[in-house]
N, C-alpha and C. Protein backbone atom coordinates (compact mmCIF):
# COMPACT_ATOMS: atom_id res chain seq x y z
N MET A 1 34.37 5.72 -26.39
CA MET A 1 33.66 4.51 -25.98
C MET A 1 34.51 3.74 -24.97
N TRP A 2 34.20 2.49 -24.81
CA TRP A 2 34.92 1.66 -23.85
C TRP A 2 35.95 0.79 -24.57
N ASP A 3 36.93 0.35 -23.78
CA ASP A 3 38.00 -0.49 -24.33
C ASP A 3 37.74 -1.97 -24.06
N ARG A 4 37.18 -2.26 -22.89
CA ARG A 4 36.97 -3.66 -22.50
C ARG A 4 35.55 -3.86 -21.97
N TYR A 5 34.97 -4.99 -22.35
CA TYR A 5 33.66 -5.40 -21.85
C TYR A 5 33.85 -6.78 -21.22
N LEU A 6 33.75 -6.84 -19.88
CA LEU A 6 34.05 -8.08 -19.16
C LEU A 6 32.78 -8.72 -18.63
N THR A 7 32.77 -10.05 -18.65
CA THR A 7 31.66 -10.80 -18.05
C THR A 7 32.24 -11.77 -17.02
N PRO A 8 32.42 -11.29 -15.80
CA PRO A 8 33.02 -12.15 -14.76
C PRO A 8 32.12 -13.33 -14.42
N ARG A 9 32.75 -14.40 -13.95
CA ARG A 9 32.00 -15.61 -13.56
C ARG A 9 31.59 -15.59 -12.10
N THR A 10 32.29 -14.79 -11.28
CA THR A 10 31.97 -14.73 -9.85
C THR A 10 31.90 -13.28 -9.40
N MET A 11 31.24 -13.06 -8.27
CA MET A 11 31.15 -11.73 -7.70
C MET A 11 32.54 -11.23 -7.29
N GLU A 12 33.37 -12.13 -6.77
CA GLU A 12 34.72 -11.75 -6.36
C GLU A 12 35.52 -11.23 -7.56
N GLU A 13 35.39 -11.91 -8.68
CA GLU A 13 36.08 -11.48 -9.89
C GLU A 13 35.61 -10.09 -10.34
N ALA A 14 34.30 -9.86 -10.25
CA ALA A 14 33.75 -8.55 -10.63
C ALA A 14 34.27 -7.47 -9.70
N LEU A 15 34.29 -7.73 -8.40
CA LEU A 15 34.74 -6.74 -7.43
C LEU A 15 36.24 -6.46 -7.56
N GLU A 16 37.03 -7.50 -7.84
CA GLU A 16 38.47 -7.30 -8.04
C GLU A 16 38.72 -6.39 -9.25
N THR A 17 38.01 -6.64 -10.32
CA THR A 17 38.17 -5.83 -11.53
C THR A 17 37.73 -4.40 -11.26
N LEU A 18 36.63 -4.24 -10.56
CA LEU A 18 36.14 -2.90 -10.23
C LEU A 18 37.13 -2.17 -9.34
N ALA A 19 37.73 -2.85 -8.37
CA ALA A 19 38.72 -2.22 -7.49
C ALA A 19 39.97 -1.83 -8.27
N ARG A 20 40.38 -2.66 -9.18
CA ARG A 20 41.60 -2.41 -9.96
C ARG A 20 41.41 -1.21 -10.90
N ASP A 21 40.24 -1.10 -11.51
CA ASP A 21 39.98 -0.04 -12.48
C ASP A 21 38.88 0.91 -11.99
N ALA A 22 38.88 1.24 -10.72
CA ALA A 22 37.76 1.96 -10.09
C ALA A 22 37.37 3.25 -10.82
N ALA A 23 38.32 4.05 -11.18
CA ALA A 23 38.00 5.33 -11.80
C ALA A 23 37.52 5.18 -13.24
N ARG A 24 37.88 4.08 -13.88
CA ARG A 24 37.57 3.91 -15.30
C ARG A 24 36.51 2.86 -15.58
N ALA A 25 36.02 2.16 -14.54
CA ALA A 25 35.11 1.02 -14.75
C ALA A 25 33.72 1.31 -14.20
N ARG A 26 32.74 0.64 -14.77
CA ARG A 26 31.36 0.70 -14.28
C ARG A 26 30.76 -0.71 -14.34
N LEU A 27 29.97 -1.01 -13.32
CA LEU A 27 29.19 -2.25 -13.34
C LEU A 27 27.97 -2.02 -14.21
N VAL A 28 27.63 -3.00 -15.05
CA VAL A 28 26.45 -2.88 -15.90
C VAL A 28 25.66 -4.18 -15.85
N ALA A 29 24.37 -4.05 -16.11
CA ALA A 29 23.47 -5.21 -16.23
C ALA A 29 22.35 -4.76 -17.16
N GLY A 30 22.64 -4.74 -18.42
CA GLY A 30 21.71 -4.18 -19.39
C GLY A 30 22.35 -2.94 -19.97
N ALA A 31 22.38 -1.87 -19.20
CA ALA A 31 23.14 -0.64 -19.47
C ALA A 31 22.78 0.06 -20.77
N THR A 32 21.55 -0.02 -21.22
CA THR A 32 21.21 0.64 -22.47
C THR A 32 21.39 2.16 -22.37
N ASP A 33 21.03 2.76 -21.24
CA ASP A 33 21.21 4.20 -21.08
C ASP A 33 22.68 4.57 -21.07
N LEU A 34 23.48 3.79 -20.37
CA LEU A 34 24.92 4.06 -20.31
C LEU A 34 25.55 3.95 -21.69
N MET A 35 25.15 2.96 -22.47
CA MET A 35 25.71 2.78 -23.82
C MET A 35 25.41 4.02 -24.67
N LEU A 36 24.19 4.53 -24.59
CA LEU A 36 23.84 5.73 -25.36
C LEU A 36 24.66 6.93 -24.90
N GLU A 37 24.82 7.07 -23.58
CA GLU A 37 25.61 8.18 -23.06
C GLU A 37 27.07 8.08 -23.48
N LEU A 38 27.62 6.86 -23.50
CA LEU A 38 29.00 6.67 -23.94
C LEU A 38 29.15 7.02 -25.42
N GLU A 39 28.19 6.61 -26.23
CA GLU A 39 28.25 6.91 -27.66
C GLU A 39 28.17 8.41 -27.92
N ARG A 40 27.42 9.12 -27.09
CA ARG A 40 27.28 10.58 -27.24
C ARG A 40 28.45 11.34 -26.60
N GLY A 41 29.33 10.63 -25.92
CA GLY A 41 30.46 11.28 -25.27
C GLY A 41 30.10 11.95 -23.94
N GLN A 42 28.96 11.60 -23.37
CA GLN A 42 28.52 12.21 -22.13
C GLN A 42 29.19 11.61 -20.90
N ARG A 43 29.85 10.49 -21.02
CA ARG A 43 30.52 9.83 -19.90
C ARG A 43 31.98 9.58 -20.24
N PRO A 44 32.78 10.63 -20.31
CA PRO A 44 34.20 10.42 -20.66
C PRO A 44 34.91 9.71 -19.50
N GLY A 45 35.92 8.96 -19.85
CA GLY A 45 36.73 8.31 -18.83
C GLY A 45 36.30 6.91 -18.46
N ILE A 46 35.18 6.43 -18.97
CA ILE A 46 34.76 5.05 -18.71
C ILE A 46 35.29 4.19 -19.83
N HIS A 47 36.19 3.26 -19.45
CA HIS A 47 36.84 2.43 -20.45
C HIS A 47 36.61 0.94 -20.23
N VAL A 48 36.09 0.59 -19.05
CA VAL A 48 35.88 -0.83 -18.73
C VAL A 48 34.44 -1.00 -18.27
N LEU A 49 33.72 -1.89 -18.92
CA LEU A 49 32.35 -2.24 -18.51
C LEU A 49 32.37 -3.66 -17.96
N ILE A 50 31.83 -3.83 -16.76
CA ILE A 50 31.81 -5.13 -16.10
C ILE A 50 30.36 -5.58 -16.03
N ASP A 51 29.99 -6.54 -16.85
CA ASP A 51 28.61 -7.03 -16.95
C ASP A 51 28.34 -8.06 -15.85
N VAL A 52 27.48 -7.71 -14.90
CA VAL A 52 27.16 -8.61 -13.78
C VAL A 52 25.82 -9.32 -13.98
N SER A 53 25.23 -9.20 -15.15
CA SER A 53 23.90 -9.76 -15.38
C SER A 53 23.88 -11.28 -15.35
N ARG A 54 25.03 -11.93 -15.51
CA ARG A 54 25.06 -13.40 -15.50
C ARG A 54 25.47 -13.99 -14.16
N LEU A 55 25.75 -13.13 -13.20
CA LEU A 55 26.15 -13.64 -11.88
C LEU A 55 24.95 -14.20 -11.15
N ARG A 56 25.13 -15.34 -10.53
CA ARG A 56 24.03 -16.00 -9.83
C ARG A 56 23.68 -15.30 -8.52
N GLY A 57 22.39 -15.31 -8.21
CA GLY A 57 21.93 -14.84 -6.91
C GLY A 57 21.63 -13.36 -6.81
N LEU A 58 21.90 -12.59 -7.84
CA LEU A 58 21.64 -11.16 -7.76
C LEU A 58 20.17 -10.81 -8.02
N ASP A 59 19.39 -11.81 -8.38
CA ASP A 59 17.96 -11.57 -8.62
C ASP A 59 17.10 -12.18 -7.52
N ARG A 60 17.70 -12.49 -6.38
CA ARG A 60 16.96 -13.13 -5.28
C ARG A 60 16.08 -12.15 -4.54
N ILE A 61 15.01 -12.70 -4.00
CA ILE A 61 14.14 -11.99 -3.07
C ILE A 61 14.15 -12.84 -1.81
N GLU A 62 14.61 -12.25 -0.71
CA GLU A 62 14.74 -13.05 0.50
C GLU A 62 14.35 -12.25 1.73
N LEU A 63 13.92 -12.99 2.74
CA LEU A 63 13.58 -12.40 4.03
C LEU A 63 14.83 -12.45 4.89
N ARG A 64 15.30 -11.29 5.31
CA ARG A 64 16.53 -11.21 6.10
C ARG A 64 16.23 -11.49 7.57
N ASP A 65 17.29 -11.70 8.35
CA ASP A 65 17.15 -12.00 9.76
C ASP A 65 16.46 -10.90 10.54
N ASP A 66 16.58 -9.66 10.07
CA ASP A 66 15.95 -8.55 10.78
C ASP A 66 14.49 -8.34 10.37
N GLY A 67 13.95 -9.26 9.56
CA GLY A 67 12.55 -9.19 9.15
C GLY A 67 12.30 -8.37 7.90
N ARG A 68 13.33 -7.79 7.34
CA ARG A 68 13.17 -6.99 6.13
C ARG A 68 13.29 -7.87 4.90
N ILE A 69 12.56 -7.48 3.88
CA ILE A 69 12.64 -8.19 2.60
C ILE A 69 13.73 -7.52 1.77
N HIS A 70 14.67 -8.32 1.28
CA HIS A 70 15.77 -7.81 0.47
C HIS A 70 15.53 -8.18 -0.99
N LEU A 71 15.59 -7.19 -1.85
CA LEU A 71 15.50 -7.41 -3.29
C LEU A 71 16.91 -7.27 -3.86
N GLY A 72 17.37 -8.30 -4.55
CA GLY A 72 18.69 -8.25 -5.17
C GLY A 72 18.73 -7.19 -6.25
N PRO A 73 19.93 -6.73 -6.61
CA PRO A 73 20.05 -5.63 -7.58
C PRO A 73 19.55 -5.97 -8.98
N LEU A 74 19.43 -7.25 -9.31
CA LEU A 74 18.93 -7.63 -10.64
C LEU A 74 17.50 -8.14 -10.60
N THR A 75 16.81 -7.89 -9.51
CA THR A 75 15.42 -8.33 -9.38
C THR A 75 14.55 -7.49 -10.32
N THR A 76 13.73 -8.17 -11.11
CA THR A 76 12.85 -7.47 -12.06
C THR A 76 11.46 -7.31 -11.45
N HIS A 77 10.65 -6.51 -12.11
CA HIS A 77 9.27 -6.34 -11.66
C HIS A 77 8.53 -7.68 -11.69
N ASN A 78 8.81 -8.50 -12.70
CA ASN A 78 8.16 -9.81 -12.79
C ASN A 78 8.56 -10.72 -11.64
N HIS A 79 9.84 -10.65 -11.21
CA HIS A 79 10.26 -11.42 -10.03
C HIS A 79 9.46 -11.00 -8.80
N VAL A 80 9.31 -9.69 -8.62
CA VAL A 80 8.60 -9.17 -7.45
C VAL A 80 7.13 -9.59 -7.52
N ALA A 81 6.51 -9.42 -8.67
CA ALA A 81 5.09 -9.74 -8.80
C ALA A 81 4.82 -11.23 -8.61
N GLY A 82 5.77 -12.08 -8.97
CA GLY A 82 5.58 -13.52 -8.86
C GLY A 82 6.09 -14.13 -7.57
N SER A 83 6.67 -13.34 -6.70
CA SER A 83 7.26 -13.86 -5.48
C SER A 83 6.20 -14.19 -4.43
N PRO A 84 6.14 -15.44 -3.95
CA PRO A 84 5.19 -15.78 -2.90
C PRO A 84 5.41 -14.95 -1.63
N LEU A 85 6.66 -14.65 -1.32
CA LEU A 85 6.97 -13.84 -0.14
C LEU A 85 6.35 -12.45 -0.25
N ILE A 86 6.50 -11.82 -1.40
CA ILE A 86 5.94 -10.49 -1.62
C ILE A 86 4.42 -10.56 -1.65
N GLN A 87 3.87 -11.57 -2.32
CA GLN A 87 2.42 -11.70 -2.41
C GLN A 87 1.78 -11.86 -1.04
N GLU A 88 2.40 -12.69 -0.19
CA GLU A 88 1.86 -12.89 1.16
C GLU A 88 1.83 -11.58 1.93
N ARG A 89 2.94 -10.86 1.90
CA ARG A 89 3.03 -9.59 2.63
C ARG A 89 2.11 -8.54 2.02
N ALA A 90 2.01 -8.53 0.71
CA ALA A 90 1.17 -7.54 0.05
C ALA A 90 -0.30 -7.76 0.37
N LEU A 91 -0.73 -9.03 0.38
CA LEU A 91 -2.12 -9.31 0.70
C LEU A 91 -2.44 -8.92 2.14
N ALA A 92 -1.53 -9.24 3.05
CA ALA A 92 -1.75 -8.87 4.44
C ALA A 92 -1.77 -7.35 4.60
N LEU A 93 -0.87 -6.67 3.92
CA LEU A 93 -0.83 -5.21 4.01
C LEU A 93 -2.08 -4.60 3.40
N ALA A 94 -2.53 -5.12 2.27
CA ALA A 94 -3.76 -4.62 1.65
C ALA A 94 -4.95 -4.83 2.58
N ARG A 95 -4.98 -5.99 3.21
CA ARG A 95 -6.08 -6.26 4.14
C ARG A 95 -6.02 -5.32 5.34
N ALA A 96 -4.81 -5.02 5.82
CA ALA A 96 -4.66 -4.12 6.95
C ALA A 96 -5.09 -2.70 6.59
N LEU A 97 -4.79 -2.27 5.37
CA LEU A 97 -5.10 -0.90 4.98
C LEU A 97 -6.53 -0.72 4.47
N LEU A 98 -7.03 -1.72 3.76
CA LEU A 98 -8.31 -1.56 3.08
C LEU A 98 -9.50 -2.19 3.79
N GLY A 99 -9.23 -3.11 4.71
CA GLY A 99 -10.33 -3.71 5.45
C GLY A 99 -10.98 -4.84 4.70
N PRO A 100 -12.24 -4.87 4.49
CA PRO A 100 -13.22 -3.79 4.53
C PRO A 100 -13.71 -3.46 5.95
N THR A 101 -13.48 -4.33 6.90
CA THR A 101 -13.93 -4.03 8.26
C THR A 101 -12.73 -3.91 9.18
N VAL A 102 -12.97 -3.39 10.36
CA VAL A 102 -11.89 -3.25 11.34
C VAL A 102 -11.37 -4.62 11.75
N TYR A 103 -12.23 -5.64 11.71
CA TYR A 103 -11.80 -6.99 12.07
C TYR A 103 -10.81 -7.56 11.05
N ASP A 104 -11.01 -7.20 9.78
CA ASP A 104 -10.04 -7.60 8.76
C ASP A 104 -8.69 -6.96 9.03
N ARG A 105 -8.72 -5.72 9.46
CA ARG A 105 -7.46 -5.02 9.75
C ARG A 105 -6.75 -5.66 10.94
N ILE A 106 -7.52 -6.02 11.95
CA ILE A 106 -6.93 -6.68 13.13
C ILE A 106 -6.34 -8.02 12.74
N LEU A 107 -7.03 -8.76 11.91
CA LEU A 107 -6.52 -10.06 11.45
C LEU A 107 -5.21 -9.88 10.68
N ALA A 108 -5.13 -8.86 9.85
CA ALA A 108 -3.91 -8.62 9.08
C ALA A 108 -2.74 -8.28 10.00
N VAL A 109 -2.98 -7.45 11.00
CA VAL A 109 -1.91 -7.12 11.95
C VAL A 109 -1.50 -8.38 12.71
N ASN A 110 -2.46 -9.22 13.04
CA ASN A 110 -2.16 -10.48 13.73
C ASN A 110 -1.32 -11.39 12.84
N MET A 111 -1.55 -11.37 11.53
CA MET A 111 -0.75 -12.16 10.60
C MET A 111 0.71 -11.73 10.64
N PHE A 112 0.94 -10.41 10.70
CA PHE A 112 2.32 -9.93 10.80
C PHE A 112 2.94 -10.36 12.12
N GLY A 113 2.15 -10.33 13.19
CA GLY A 113 2.65 -10.78 14.49
C GLY A 113 3.03 -12.25 14.47
N THR A 114 2.21 -13.06 13.84
CA THR A 114 2.50 -14.49 13.74
C THR A 114 3.75 -14.73 12.90
N ALA A 115 3.89 -14.01 11.81
CA ALA A 115 5.09 -14.15 10.97
C ALA A 115 6.34 -13.74 11.76
N THR A 116 6.22 -12.74 12.61
CA THR A 116 7.35 -12.31 13.43
C THR A 116 7.73 -13.39 14.44
N VAL A 117 6.72 -14.01 15.05
CA VAL A 117 6.99 -15.11 16.00
C VAL A 117 7.74 -16.23 15.29
N LEU A 118 7.28 -16.61 14.11
CA LEU A 118 7.95 -17.67 13.36
C LEU A 118 9.38 -17.28 12.99
N LEU A 119 9.56 -16.03 12.58
CA LEU A 119 10.89 -15.57 12.22
C LEU A 119 11.85 -15.66 13.41
N ILE A 120 11.41 -15.22 14.58
CA ILE A 120 12.25 -15.28 15.78
C ILE A 120 12.59 -16.72 16.13
N ALA A 121 11.59 -17.61 16.07
CA ALA A 121 11.82 -19.01 16.42
C ALA A 121 12.80 -19.68 15.45
N VAL A 122 12.61 -19.45 14.16
CA VAL A 122 13.49 -20.05 13.15
C VAL A 122 14.90 -19.46 13.26
N LEU A 123 14.98 -18.18 13.49
CA LEU A 123 16.29 -17.54 13.66
C LEU A 123 17.02 -18.15 14.85
N GLY A 124 16.31 -18.37 15.95
CA GLY A 124 16.91 -19.00 17.12
C GLY A 124 17.38 -20.41 16.82
N PHE A 125 16.60 -21.16 16.06
CA PHE A 125 16.97 -22.52 15.70
C PHE A 125 18.25 -22.55 14.87
N PHE A 126 18.30 -21.69 13.83
CA PHE A 126 19.45 -21.71 12.93
C PHE A 126 20.71 -21.13 13.55
N THR A 127 20.56 -20.25 14.51
CA THR A 127 21.75 -19.67 15.14
C THR A 127 22.15 -20.41 16.41
N GLY A 128 21.41 -21.47 16.76
CA GLY A 128 21.74 -22.25 17.95
C GLY A 128 21.48 -21.49 19.24
N ARG A 129 20.47 -20.63 19.23
CA ARG A 129 20.12 -19.85 20.42
C ARG A 129 18.73 -20.26 20.91
N PRO A 130 18.65 -21.27 21.78
CA PRO A 130 17.34 -21.74 22.25
C PRO A 130 16.57 -20.68 23.03
N ASP A 131 17.27 -19.67 23.57
CA ASP A 131 16.58 -18.60 24.29
C ASP A 131 15.68 -17.78 23.36
N PHE A 132 15.94 -17.81 22.06
CA PHE A 132 15.06 -17.11 21.12
C PHE A 132 13.66 -17.72 21.12
N LEU A 133 13.55 -19.01 21.42
CA LEU A 133 12.23 -19.63 21.49
C LEU A 133 11.42 -19.02 22.62
N ASP A 134 12.08 -18.72 23.74
CA ASP A 134 11.39 -18.05 24.84
C ASP A 134 10.90 -16.66 24.41
N ILE A 135 11.76 -15.96 23.70
CA ILE A 135 11.37 -14.63 23.20
C ILE A 135 10.20 -14.75 22.24
N ALA A 136 10.23 -15.75 21.36
CA ALA A 136 9.14 -15.96 20.41
C ALA A 136 7.83 -16.26 21.14
N LEU A 137 7.90 -17.08 22.19
CA LEU A 137 6.69 -17.40 22.96
C LEU A 137 6.13 -16.17 23.66
N VAL A 138 6.99 -15.35 24.22
CA VAL A 138 6.53 -14.11 24.86
C VAL A 138 5.88 -13.20 23.82
N TYR A 139 6.52 -13.08 22.65
CA TYR A 139 5.95 -12.26 21.60
C TYR A 139 4.60 -12.81 21.14
N ALA A 140 4.47 -14.14 21.07
CA ALA A 140 3.20 -14.76 20.68
C ALA A 140 2.12 -14.43 21.71
N LEU A 141 2.47 -14.49 22.98
CA LEU A 141 1.49 -14.14 24.03
C LEU A 141 1.08 -12.68 23.94
N ILE A 142 2.05 -11.81 23.74
CA ILE A 142 1.72 -10.38 23.59
C ILE A 142 0.83 -10.17 22.38
N ASN A 143 1.14 -10.84 21.28
CA ASN A 143 0.33 -10.73 20.07
C ASN A 143 -1.10 -11.20 20.34
N PHE A 144 -1.25 -12.34 21.01
CA PHE A 144 -2.57 -12.89 21.30
C PHE A 144 -3.35 -11.99 22.26
N ILE A 145 -2.72 -11.61 23.36
CA ILE A 145 -3.41 -10.78 24.35
C ILE A 145 -3.76 -9.42 23.76
N GLY A 146 -2.86 -8.86 22.96
CA GLY A 146 -3.15 -7.58 22.31
C GLY A 146 -4.33 -7.68 21.35
N THR A 147 -4.40 -8.77 20.60
CA THR A 147 -5.51 -8.97 19.67
C THR A 147 -6.83 -9.11 20.43
N VAL A 148 -6.82 -9.92 21.48
CA VAL A 148 -8.04 -10.11 22.28
C VAL A 148 -8.45 -8.79 22.93
N ALA A 149 -7.49 -8.02 23.44
CA ALA A 149 -7.81 -6.74 24.08
C ALA A 149 -8.43 -5.76 23.09
N VAL A 150 -7.87 -5.68 21.90
CA VAL A 150 -8.43 -4.77 20.90
C VAL A 150 -9.83 -5.20 20.50
N LEU A 151 -10.01 -6.51 20.29
CA LEU A 151 -11.35 -7.00 19.93
C LEU A 151 -12.35 -6.74 21.05
N LYS A 152 -11.96 -6.94 22.30
CA LYS A 152 -12.85 -6.68 23.43
C LYS A 152 -13.19 -5.20 23.51
N PHE A 153 -12.21 -4.36 23.31
CA PHE A 153 -12.47 -2.93 23.36
C PHE A 153 -13.43 -2.51 22.25
N LEU A 154 -13.25 -3.06 21.06
CA LEU A 154 -14.15 -2.73 19.96
C LEU A 154 -15.56 -3.24 20.20
N ARG A 155 -15.68 -4.39 20.83
CA ARG A 155 -16.99 -4.98 21.08
C ARG A 155 -17.73 -4.28 22.22
N TYR A 156 -16.99 -4.02 23.34
CA TYR A 156 -17.65 -3.49 24.54
C TYR A 156 -17.29 -2.05 24.86
N GLY A 157 -16.30 -1.50 24.19
CA GLY A 157 -15.90 -0.13 24.46
C GLY A 157 -15.16 0.03 25.78
N ASP A 158 -14.75 -1.08 26.37
CA ASP A 158 -14.13 -1.04 27.69
C ASP A 158 -13.29 -2.30 27.84
N LEU A 159 -12.19 -2.20 28.55
CA LEU A 159 -11.37 -3.37 28.82
C LEU A 159 -11.55 -3.89 30.23
N GLY A 160 -12.23 -3.11 31.08
CA GLY A 160 -12.28 -3.42 32.50
C GLY A 160 -13.40 -4.31 32.96
N ARG A 161 -14.39 -4.56 32.14
CA ARG A 161 -15.51 -5.37 32.63
C ARG A 161 -15.63 -6.66 31.83
N ALA A 162 -16.32 -7.61 32.43
CA ALA A 162 -16.55 -8.90 31.77
C ALA A 162 -17.53 -8.72 30.63
N GLY A 163 -17.71 -9.77 29.85
CA GLY A 163 -18.55 -9.69 28.68
C GLY A 163 -20.04 -9.66 28.95
N GLY A 164 -20.47 -9.89 30.19
CA GLY A 164 -21.90 -9.91 30.49
C GLY A 164 -22.49 -8.52 30.61
N LYS A 165 -23.78 -8.47 31.03
CA LYS A 165 -24.46 -7.20 31.20
C LYS A 165 -23.99 -6.53 32.48
N GLU A 166 -24.26 -5.23 32.55
CA GLU A 166 -23.91 -4.46 33.76
C GLU A 166 -24.59 -5.10 34.97
N GLY A 167 -23.85 -5.24 36.04
CA GLY A 167 -24.41 -5.78 37.27
C GLY A 167 -24.28 -7.26 37.42
N GLU A 168 -24.04 -8.00 36.33
CA GLU A 168 -23.85 -9.44 36.42
C GLU A 168 -22.45 -9.75 36.92
N ILE A 169 -22.32 -10.85 37.60
CA ILE A 169 -21.00 -11.26 38.09
C ILE A 169 -20.51 -12.43 37.26
């Protein structure tokens, strides 16, 4: 079995302990499977268990600067299901995939475009880069023009003519 069961107060403390006892230590957060394996002798050489389940911030769900959603290592299914960030993206993704009409799908893609514009603008604000606002505005224009172009193509089957009848100016 194990010799020591540690509950560090900080991530730094956990990492220092792990570095010091690297070959003999394992990080745990629950660890019911590991406990059974240790009792059966299936994991020889593990003598230090470092419980990280009480460390703050490991259950966060956050939107990173690159637009990806990061799930912390202690995030549970209930955290994911209850997260407004996940729910917003999931609803937009469901609308994009399931429709029921092509216009619903276009609206969902437009929602992702709008979220990207906001992300770029906020990122520029927090990093002190006002040029990001210019990039966000260009992306907003591309998003808008692209949406209008797709809608026009779906309505008229052509991007080159005005919305009136053939022959009208």
